[in-house]
Amino acid sequence: MNHYMMEGFALWQVVVMIVWVLVLVIPIARILNRLGFSRIWTILAFIPLVNLIFLWFLAYTHWPIEDRM
């Protein structure tokens, strides 16, 4: 049996994944909330290719701050 193959995640890897998700989720959710979108759209940030499409969509959508200018 190959000793280099991982059979699961170590505790430190799980902690790093949770921290990484929180580092991404919190600011994305706040930005979406300020734009008037539901925070549930944050899930799109974790789907490959869909996240890039949604990023382009956000880049060209109407931002509420534009009303103040």
Protein backbone atom coordinates (compact mmCIF):
# COMPACT_ATOMS: atom_id res chain seq x y z
CA MET A 1 0.00 0.00 0.00
CA ASN A 2 1.23 3.46 -0.85
CA HIS A 3 1.98 5.33 2.38
CA TYR A 4 1.89 8.68 0.64
CA MET A 5 -1.79 8.48 -0.26
CA MET A 6 -4.09 10.39 2.02
CA GLU A 7 -7.04 8.46 3.37
CA GLY A 8 -8.75 11.48 4.85
CA PHE A 9 -8.23 14.97 6.07
CA ALA A 10 -6.13 15.82 9.08
CA LEU A 11 -7.60 18.15 11.69
CA TRP A 12 -5.34 21.03 10.68
CA GLN A 13 -6.48 20.70 7.06
CA VAL A 14 -10.12 20.94 8.11
CA VAL A 15 -9.37 24.02 10.21
CA VAL A 16 -7.53 25.66 7.30
CA MET A 17 -10.46 24.94 4.96
CA ILE A 18 -12.97 26.41 7.42
CA VAL A 19 -10.86 29.54 7.91
CA TRP A 20 -10.39 29.90 4.14
CA VAL A 21 -14.13 29.60 3.54
CA LEU A 22 -14.86 32.22 6.21
CA VAL A 23 -12.25 34.56 4.75
CA LEU A 24 -14.10 34.37 1.43
CA VAL A 25 -17.72 34.12 2.59
CA ILE A 26 -17.89 37.10 4.95
CA PRO A 27 -16.72 39.84 2.56
CA ILE A 28 -18.60 38.38 -0.43
CA ALA A 29 -21.82 38.19 1.59
CA ARG A 30 -21.42 41.78 2.79
CA ILE A 31 -20.76 43.08 -0.72
CA LEU A 32 -23.76 41.25 -2.13
CA ASN A 33 -25.94 42.55 0.71
CA ARG A 34 -24.88 46.13 0.00
CA LEU A 35 -25.73 45.64 -3.67
CA GLY A 36 -29.21 44.44 -2.76
CA PHE A 37 -28.63 40.79 -3.58
CA SER A 38 -29.38 37.94 -1.22
CA ARG A 39 -26.39 36.65 0.73
CA ILE A 40 -27.22 33.14 -0.47
CA TRP A 41 -25.63 34.10 -3.82
CA THR A 42 -22.29 33.70 -2.03
CA ILE A 43 -22.50 30.02 -2.90
CA LEU A 44 -21.69 30.95 -6.49
CA ALA A 45 -18.20 31.96 -5.38
CA PHE A 46 -17.37 28.29 -4.84
CA ILE A 47 -18.56 26.93 -8.19
CA PRO A 48 -15.79 27.02 -10.79
CA LEU A 49 -16.51 29.03 -13.93
CA VAL A 50 -19.89 30.13 -12.54
CA ASN A 51 -18.00 32.36 -10.09
CA LEU A 52 -16.25 34.11 -12.99
CA ILE A 53 -19.50 34.63 -14.86
CA PHE A 54 -21.13 36.06 -11.72
CA LEU A 55 -18.14 38.33 -11.16
CA TRP A 56 -18.57 39.78 -14.65
CA PHE A 57 -22.30 40.15 -14.00
CA LEU A 58 -21.55 42.13 -10.83
CA ALA A 59 -19.04 44.29 -12.64
CA TYR A 60 -21.68 45.51 -15.07
CA THR A 61 -24.76 45.58 -12.83
CA HIS A 62 -26.21 48.79 -11.38
CA TRP A 63 -24.54 49.67 -8.08
CA PRO A 64 -26.55 51.66 -5.49
CA ILE A 65 -23.67 54.10 -4.98
CA GLU A 66 -24.16 55.30 -8.56
CA ASP A 67 -27.46 56.88 -7.49
CA ARG A 68 -25.64 59.20 -5.07
CA MET A 69 -23.36 60.65 -7.74
